[in-house]
N, C-alpha and C. Protein backbone atom coordinates (compact mmCIF):
# COMPACT_ATOMS: atom_id res chain seq x y z
N UNK A 1 -25.47 -2.88 -19.07
CA UNK A 1 -24.48 -2.99 -18.87
C UNK A 1 -24.20 -4.46 -19.15
N UNK A 2 -23.57 -4.77 -20.47
CA UNK A 2 -23.50 -6.30 -20.41
C UNK A 2 -22.65 -7.25 -18.97
N UNK A 3 -23.08 -8.24 -19.38
CA UNK A 3 -22.43 -8.97 -17.85
C UNK A 3 -20.61 -9.01 -17.59
N UNK A 4 -20.14 -9.07 -19.11
CA UNK A 4 -18.96 -8.84 -19.27
C UNK A 4 -18.25 -7.22 -18.14
N UNK A 5 -19.14 -6.39 -18.51
CA UNK A 5 -18.73 -5.14 -18.37
C UNK A 5 -19.02 -5.03 -16.90
N UNK A 6 -19.79 -6.05 -16.29
CA UNK A 6 -20.62 -5.64 -15.11
C UNK A 6 -19.19 -6.25 -14.01
N UNK A 7 -19.05 -7.68 -14.53
CA UNK A 7 -17.79 -8.23 -13.56
C UNK A 7 -16.49 -7.07 -13.78
N UNK A 8 -16.25 -7.05 -14.98
CA UNK A 8 -15.05 -6.13 -15.16
C UNK A 8 -15.27 -4.81 -14.00
N UNK A 9 -16.36 -4.36 -14.09
CA UNK A 9 -16.54 -2.98 -12.57
C UNK A 9 -16.34 -3.91 -11.55
N UNK A 10 -17.41 -4.94 -10.95
CA UNK A 10 -17.02 -5.51 -10.10
C UNK A 10 -15.55 -5.78 -9.64
N UNK A 11 -15.02 -6.49 -10.24
CA UNK A 11 -13.36 -6.93 -9.90
C UNK A 11 -12.94 -5.74 -9.96
N UNK A 12 -12.89 -4.43 -10.85
CA UNK A 12 -12.26 -2.87 -10.55
C UNK A 12 -12.20 -2.28 -9.00
N UNK A 13 -14.04 -2.62 -8.83
CA UNK A 13 -14.19 -1.96 -7.50
C UNK A 13 -13.20 -2.65 -5.97
N UNK A 14 -13.32 -4.36 -6.46
CA UNK A 14 -12.84 -4.85 -5.50
C UNK A 14 -11.04 -4.87 -5.36
N UNK A 15 -10.69 -4.61 -6.37
CA UNK A 15 -9.23 -3.99 -6.37
C UNK A 15 -8.98 -3.14 -5.74
N UNK A 16 -9.52 -2.20 -6.09
CA UNK A 16 -9.52 -0.48 -5.64
C UNK A 16 -10.17 -1.04 -3.96
N UNK A 17 -10.73 -1.43 -3.65
CA UNK A 17 -11.07 -1.65 -2.13
C UNK A 17 -10.00 -2.46 -1.59
N UNK A 18 -9.53 -3.22 -2.38
CA UNK A 18 -8.28 -4.10 -1.60
C UNK A 18 -7.18 -2.98 -1.27
N UNK A 19 -6.73 -2.26 -2.51
CA UNK A 19 -5.41 -1.52 -2.49
C UNK A 19 -5.62 -0.46 -1.39
N UNK A 20 -7.07 0.15 -1.02
CA UNK A 20 -7.05 1.29 -0.27
C UNK A 20 -6.80 0.80 1.14
N UNK A 21 -7.64 -0.64 1.36
CA UNK A 21 -6.84 -1.57 2.41
C UNK A 21 -5.61 -1.67 3.15
N UNK A 22 -5.06 -2.05 1.59
CA UNK A 22 -3.72 -2.45 2.07
C UNK A 22 -2.98 -1.47 2.09
N UNK A 23 -3.16 -0.19 1.46
CA UNK A 23 -2.32 0.63 1.43
C UNK A 23 -2.38 1.98 3.03
N UNK A 24 -3.77 1.66 3.71
CA UNK A 24 -3.94 2.22 4.77
C UNK A 24 -3.24 1.43 5.64
N UNK A 25 -2.90 -0.03 5.68
CA UNK A 25 -1.87 -0.94 6.55
C UNK A 25 -0.77 -0.91 6.60
N UNK A 26 -0.49 -0.62 5.41
CA UNK A 26 1.07 -0.18 5.06
C UNK A 26 1.37 0.85 5.75
N UNK A 27 0.82 2.14 5.01
CA UNK A 27 1.00 3.29 5.94
C UNK A 27 1.08 3.23 7.65
N UNK A 28 0.30 2.56 8.04
CA UNK A 28 0.46 2.28 9.59
C UNK A 28 1.68 1.84 10.23
N UNK A 29 2.01 0.80 9.38
CA UNK A 29 2.82 0.12 9.57
C UNK A 29 4.62 1.13 9.49
N UNK A 30 3.91 1.65 8.50
CA UNK A 30 5.54 2.36 7.97
C UNK A 30 5.25 3.47 8.93
N UNK A 31 4.50 4.40 9.35
CA UNK A 31 4.66 5.62 10.67
C UNK A 31 5.14 4.94 11.94
N UNK A 32 4.39 3.99 11.85
CA UNK A 32 5.13 3.00 13.63
C UNK A 32 6.65 2.88 13.17
N UNK A 33 6.68 2.24 12.19
CA UNK A 33 8.17 1.89 12.02
C UNK A 33 9.24 3.37 12.11
N UNK A 34 8.55 4.13 11.54
CA UNK A 34 9.16 5.61 11.02
C UNK A 34 9.50 6.32 12.52
N UNK A 35 8.39 6.14 13.41
CA UNK A 35 8.72 6.61 14.93
C UNK A 35 9.59 5.54 15.71
N UNK A 36 9.57 4.50 15.29
CA UNK A 36 10.56 3.59 16.20
C UNK A 36 12.30 4.01 15.75
N UNK A 37 12.21 4.52 14.99
CA UNK A 37 13.61 4.69 14.22
C UNK A 37 14.16 6.06 14.55
N UNK A 38 12.93 6.92 14.84
CA UNK A 38 13.46 8.33 15.31
C UNK A 38 13.78 7.89 17.12
N UNK A 39 13.30 7.11 17.42
CA UNK A 39 13.70 6.76 19.07
C UNK A 39 14.68 6.28 19.13
N UNK A 40 15.29 5.28 18.25
CA UNK A 40 16.43 4.46 18.52
C UNK A 40 17.30 4.95 17.49
N UNK A 41 18.48 4.33 17.42
CA UNK A 41 19.13 4.46 17.05
C UNK A 41 19.60 3.57 15.50
N UNK A 42 19.33 4.17 14.29
CA UNK A 42 18.92 3.26 13.54
C UNK A 42 19.77 2.52 12.86
N UNK A 43 19.93 1.04 12.71
CA UNK A 43 20.56 -0.06 12.67
C UNK A 43 20.38 -0.44 11.28
N UNK A 44 20.95 -1.12 10.38
CA UNK A 44 21.10 -1.56 9.62
C UNK A 44 19.79 -2.23 8.72
N UNK A 45 19.46 -3.28 9.70
CA UNK A 45 18.36 -3.70 9.46
C UNK A 45 16.78 -2.92 9.61
N UNK A 46 16.77 -2.09 10.58
CA UNK A 46 15.53 -1.21 10.56
C UNK A 46 15.70 -0.35 9.64
N UNK A 47 16.78 0.21 9.13
CA UNK A 47 16.95 0.93 7.68
C UNK A 47 16.56 -0.06 6.45
N UNK A 48 16.75 -0.73 6.50
CA UNK A 48 16.80 -2.01 5.21
C UNK A 48 14.91 -2.14 5.26
N UNK A 49 14.27 -2.32 6.48
CA UNK A 49 13.13 -2.84 6.40
C UNK A 49 12.59 -1.78 6.31
N UNK A 50 12.78 -0.58 6.62
CA UNK A 50 11.89 0.99 6.45
C UNK A 50 12.09 1.11 4.97
N UNK A 51 13.16 1.26 4.07
CA UNK A 51 13.11 1.43 2.76
C UNK A 51 11.99 0.50 2.22
N UNK A 52 12.46 -1.13 2.39
CA UNK A 52 11.52 -1.76 1.87
C UNK A 52 9.63 -1.35 1.86
N UNK A 53 9.64 -1.06 3.05
CA UNK A 53 7.97 -0.29 3.49
C UNK A 53 7.80 0.91 2.54
N UNK A 54 8.68 1.61 2.53
CA UNK A 54 8.65 2.45 1.85
C UNK A 54 8.38 2.55 0.25
N UNK A 55 9.36 1.45 -0.16
CA UNK A 55 8.88 0.69 -1.68
C UNK A 55 7.40 0.12 -1.92
N UNK A 56 7.11 -0.49 -1.09
CA UNK A 56 5.74 -1.29 -1.19
C UNK A 56 4.41 -0.19 -0.80
N UNK A 57 4.79 0.64 -0.20
CA UNK A 57 3.65 1.73 0.14
C UNK A 57 3.41 2.10 -1.47
N UNK A 58 4.65 3.18 -1.50
CA UNK A 58 4.67 3.62 -2.78
C UNK A 58 4.22 2.67 -4.29
N UNK A 59 4.74 1.46 -4.04
CA UNK A 59 3.79 0.69 -4.99
C UNK A 59 2.22 0.41 -5.27
N UNK A 60 1.95 0.01 -3.92
CA UNK A 60 0.63 -0.14 -3.59
C UNK A 60 0.25 1.16 -4.11
N UNK A 61 0.17 2.34 -3.45
CA UNK A 61 -0.44 3.31 -4.35
C UNK A 61 -0.41 4.00 -5.34
N UNK A 62 0.67 3.50 -6.41
CA UNK A 62 0.38 3.58 -7.79
C UNK A 62 -0.40 2.68 -8.56
N UNK A 63 -0.37 1.41 -7.96
CA UNK A 63 -1.41 0.45 -8.59
C UNK A 63 -2.82 0.75 -8.17
N UNK A 64 -2.96 1.43 -6.99
CA UNK A 64 -4.17 1.47 -6.87
C UNK A 64 -4.81 2.86 -7.58
N UNK A 65 -3.80 3.80 -7.65
CA UNK A 65 -4.29 4.90 -8.77
C UNK A 65 -4.78 4.28 -9.88
N UNK A 66 -3.79 3.75 -10.58
CA UNK A 66 -3.79 3.14 -11.87
C UNK A 66 -5.19 2.48 -11.96
N UNK A 67 -5.52 1.47 -10.65
CA UNK A 67 -6.55 0.52 -11.35
C UNK A 67 -8.02 1.71 -10.80
N UNK A 68 -7.50 2.36 -10.35
CA UNK A 68 -9.20 3.37 -9.76
C UNK A 68 -9.48 4.57 -10.92
N UNK A 69 -8.77 4.64 -11.70
CA UNK A 69 -9.00 5.34 -12.95
C UNK A 69 -9.53 5.12 -14.11
């Protein structure tokens, strides 16, 4: 394997690892927020934050999938 290919492989593996960790972290936050929203009446701020996190989780997941393929 050429050094360029080795570097590309290493970089891709690092990206995948970062994505996996980031995705897990976001999902934990999302799950906690989801639970909080069920426990209290959802106000505008909580709802907006919820939607923002859902969007981030979705984007992180899709970028992870594309970097690991």
